[in-house]
Amino acid sequence: MEKPDLSAKTPEELITLFSDPAARVFATHRMAEMGAPALVAIRSVLDGSAVNRFGHSYRSFGEVYRCALISAGLMGAQAISLEPLLRDAARHSTEILSAEAIHALRRIGWNDDETVSVLAGALDRDVDTAAEAVIAIEHAGKADHPVVANQLSSSPRAREMMARFGRKIAHV
């Protein structure tokens, strides 16, 4: 498919394209390229306040929600204000959405101690989520944080995930 021209689209219009399989990749990247003006739109998807024309929250549409998570991560540090919403997504979402939220947290450069607790807890979850948690913890230099150490000492699964995914891919 040829890359569509999305330069004139508003962040709200891009959200609607997140549900279009042919356009979602382009819309996700365009949203991130918009920078700060896109933060309000991304926040509205993550907090559930963005709705479609039928009044249904976009948060309940997995691919739309996933695109918002990816866009936030692609924005890097300028999306740091989304940390609480990304942390909630990491904590409450299932599998790939949780892994995407943790990936976004790593890319924005999270800085809240509550996020360390969420990441430590994620070491006991599905493989994708645990792998992203290991990478995020190590990327931030928090592998020796007391919350992480406690999780590792009390959970064989957490130790297994840290051993399996730690250090060898932390540079990613």
Protein backbone atom coordinates (compact mmCIF):
# COMPACT_ATOMS: atom_id res chain seq x y z
CA MET A 1 0.00 0.00 0.00
CA GLU A 2 1.18 3.49 -0.79
CA LYS A 3 1.68 5.71 2.23
CA PRO A 4 -1.36 7.97 2.57
CA ASP A 5 -0.93 11.71 3.08
CA LEU A 6 -2.04 12.24 6.67
CA SER A 7 -0.38 15.62 7.12
CA ALA A 8 -3.69 17.51 7.25
CA LYS A 9 -5.36 15.09 9.68
CA THR A 10 -6.10 16.20 13.22
CA PRO A 11 -5.18 13.90 16.12
CA GLU A 12 -8.87 13.08 16.54
CA GLU A 13 -9.12 12.07 12.87
CA LEU A 14 -6.03 9.91 13.27
CA ILE A 15 -7.70 8.05 16.14
CA THR A 16 -10.46 6.95 13.77
CA LEU A 17 -7.79 5.61 11.40
CA PHE A 18 -6.35 3.41 14.17
CA SER A 19 -9.21 1.00 13.48
CA ASP A 20 -8.45 0.82 9.74
CA PRO A 21 -6.03 -2.07 9.12
CA ALA A 22 -4.70 -0.41 5.94
CA ALA A 23 -4.03 2.95 7.62
CA ARG A 24 -3.28 2.18 11.28
CA VAL A 25 0.51 1.94 10.97
CA PHE A 26 0.70 5.25 9.16
CA ALA A 27 -1.75 6.92 11.55
CA THR A 28 0.14 5.63 14.58
CA HIS A 29 3.43 7.06 13.35
CA ARG A 30 1.82 10.32 12.20
CA MET A 31 0.25 10.75 15.64
CA ALA A 32 3.66 10.40 17.28
CA GLU A 33 5.24 12.83 14.81
CA MET A 34 2.72 15.49 15.82
CA GLY A 35 4.31 15.71 19.26
CA ALA A 36 2.67 17.66 22.06
CA PRO A 37 -0.57 18.47 20.18
CA ALA A 38 -1.27 14.74 19.96
CA LEU A 39 -0.94 14.13 23.71
CA VAL A 40 -4.52 15.19 24.44
CA ALA A 41 -5.87 12.77 21.84
CA ILE A 42 -3.69 9.89 23.02
CA ARG A 43 -4.65 10.61 26.64
CA SER A 44 -8.33 10.52 25.67
CA VAL A 45 -7.96 7.04 24.19
CA LEU A 46 -5.98 5.78 27.18
CA ASP A 47 -8.36 7.22 29.78
CA GLY A 48 -11.47 6.08 27.88
CA SER A 49 -12.95 9.52 27.19
CA ALA A 50 -12.50 9.37 23.38
CA VAL A 51 -15.60 7.88 21.81
CA ASN A 52 -16.64 6.93 18.30
CA ARG A 53 -19.69 8.32 16.53
CA PHE A 54 -21.87 5.75 18.30
CA GLY A 55 -20.66 6.82 21.74
CA HIS A 56 -18.49 3.76 22.37
CA SER A 57 -15.15 4.38 24.06
CA TYR A 58 -12.18 3.75 21.81
CA ARG A 59 -10.45 2.25 24.84
CA SER A 60 -12.62 -0.84 24.41
CA PHE A 61 -11.33 -1.37 20.86
CA GLY A 62 -8.10 -3.34 21.29
CA GLU A 63 -6.31 -2.19 18.13
CA VAL A 64 -7.22 1.47 18.67
CA TYR A 65 -6.00 1.25 22.26
CA ARG A 66 -2.85 -0.53 21.12
CA CYS A 67 -2.12 2.17 18.53
CA ALA A 68 -2.46 4.84 21.23
CA LEU A 69 0.03 2.92 23.41
CA ILE A 70 2.46 2.61 20.51
CA SER A 71 2.10 6.28 19.58
CA ALA A 72 2.86 7.27 23.17
CA GLY A 73 6.01 5.14 23.14
CA LEU A 74 7.13 6.55 19.81
CA MET A 75 6.84 10.05 21.26
CA GLY A 76 9.51 9.26 23.81
CA ALA A 77 10.14 11.66 26.69
CA GLN A 78 7.59 14.19 25.48
CA ALA A 79 4.89 11.68 26.52
CA ILE A 80 6.09 11.44 30.15
CA SER A 81 2.81 13.00 31.33
CA LEU A 82 1.10 9.78 30.20
CA GLU A 83 3.09 7.66 32.68
CA PRO A 84 0.14 7.10 35.08
CA LEU A 85 -2.13 5.98 32.23
CA LEU A 86 0.57 3.76 30.73
CA ARG A 87 1.23 2.28 34.17
CA ASP A 88 -2.50 1.54 34.58
CA ALA A 89 -2.51 -0.08 31.14
CA ALA A 90 0.49 -2.20 32.11
CA ARG A 91 -1.20 -3.22 35.34
CA HIS A 92 -4.73 -3.90 34.08
CA SER A 93 -4.45 -4.88 30.42
CA THR A 94 -3.95 -8.40 29.20
CA GLU A 95 -0.96 -9.81 27.37
CA ILE A 96 0.02 -7.82 24.28
CA LEU A 97 -1.61 -4.59 25.46
CA SER A 98 0.22 -4.84 28.76
CA ALA A 99 3.47 -5.56 26.94
CA GLU A 100 2.90 -2.54 24.65
CA ALA A 101 2.22 -0.33 27.68
CA ILE A 102 5.46 -1.45 29.33
CA HIS A 103 7.35 -0.91 26.08
CA ALA A 104 5.93 2.62 25.95
CA LEU A 105 6.95 3.22 29.58
CA ARG A 106 10.51 2.25 28.73
CA ARG A 107 10.57 4.57 25.73
CA ILE A 108 9.19 7.59 27.58
CA GLY A 109 11.73 7.22 30.38
CA TRP A 110 9.38 6.59 33.31
CA ASN A 111 10.40 8.00 36.66
CA ASP A 112 7.74 7.13 39.24
CA ASP A 113 8.48 4.56 41.95
CA GLU A 114 4.96 3.17 41.55
CA THR A 115 5.98 2.17 38.04
CA VAL A 116 8.82 0.06 39.49
CA SER A 117 6.23 -1.87 41.51
CA VAL A 118 4.05 -2.45 38.46
CA LEU A 119 7.04 -3.63 36.43
CA ALA A 120 8.22 -5.93 39.20
CA GLY A 121 4.74 -7.47 39.38
CA ALA A 122 4.73 -7.90 35.60
CA LEU A 123 7.67 -10.30 35.91
CA ASP A 124 5.09 -12.94 36.92
CA ARG A 125 2.82 -12.42 33.93
CA ASP A 126 2.74 -13.80 30.38
CA VAL A 127 6.06 -14.10 28.55
CA ASP A 128 5.67 -10.98 26.38
CA THR A 129 4.74 -8.80 29.34
CA ALA A 130 7.49 -10.26 31.52
CA ALA A 131 10.10 -9.80 28.79
CA GLU A 132 9.13 -6.15 28.33
CA ALA A 133 9.24 -5.67 32.11
CA VAL A 134 12.76 -7.11 32.31
CA ILE A 135 13.95 -4.84 29.50
CA ALA A 136 12.29 -1.76 31.05
CA ILE A 137 13.70 -2.49 34.51
CA GLU A 138 17.21 -3.02 33.21
CA HIS A 139 17.02 -0.09 30.79
CA ALA A 140 16.22 2.20 33.71
CA GLY A 141 18.97 0.70 35.87
CA LYS A 142 16.43 -0.55 38.44
CA ALA A 143 17.34 -4.25 38.54
CA ASP A 144 18.67 -3.79 42.07
CA HIS A 145 15.71 -1.73 43.30
CA PRO A 146 14.34 -3.21 46.57
CA VAL A 147 10.88 -3.83 45.05
CA VAL A 148 12.42 -5.76 42.16
CA ALA A 149 14.77 -7.64 44.48
CA ASN A 150 11.82 -8.62 46.68
CA GLN A 151 9.85 -9.88 43.68
CA LEU A 152 12.83 -11.90 42.48
CA SER A 153 13.42 -13.43 45.91
CA SER A 154 9.78 -14.44 46.33
CA SER A 155 8.89 -15.60 42.83
CA PRO A 156 10.49 -18.44 40.89
CA ARG A 157 8.69 -17.23 37.74
CA ALA A 158 10.13 -13.71 38.12
CA ARG A 159 13.63 -15.18 38.54
CA GLU A 160 13.11 -17.33 35.46
CA MET A 161 11.99 -14.36 33.37
CA MET A 162 14.89 -12.21 34.56
CA ALA A 163 17.35 -14.99 33.77
CA ARG A 164 15.75 -15.66 30.40
CA PHE A 165 15.45 -12.06 29.15
CA GLY A 166 17.86 -10.08 31.29
CA ARG A 167 21.02 -8.32 30.24
CA LYS A 168 21.38 -10.01 26.85
CA ILE A 169 18.62 -7.89 25.28
CA ALA A 170 18.46 -4.93 27.67
CA HIS A 171 20.11 -2.67 25.08
CA VAL A 172 17.12 -2.96 22.74
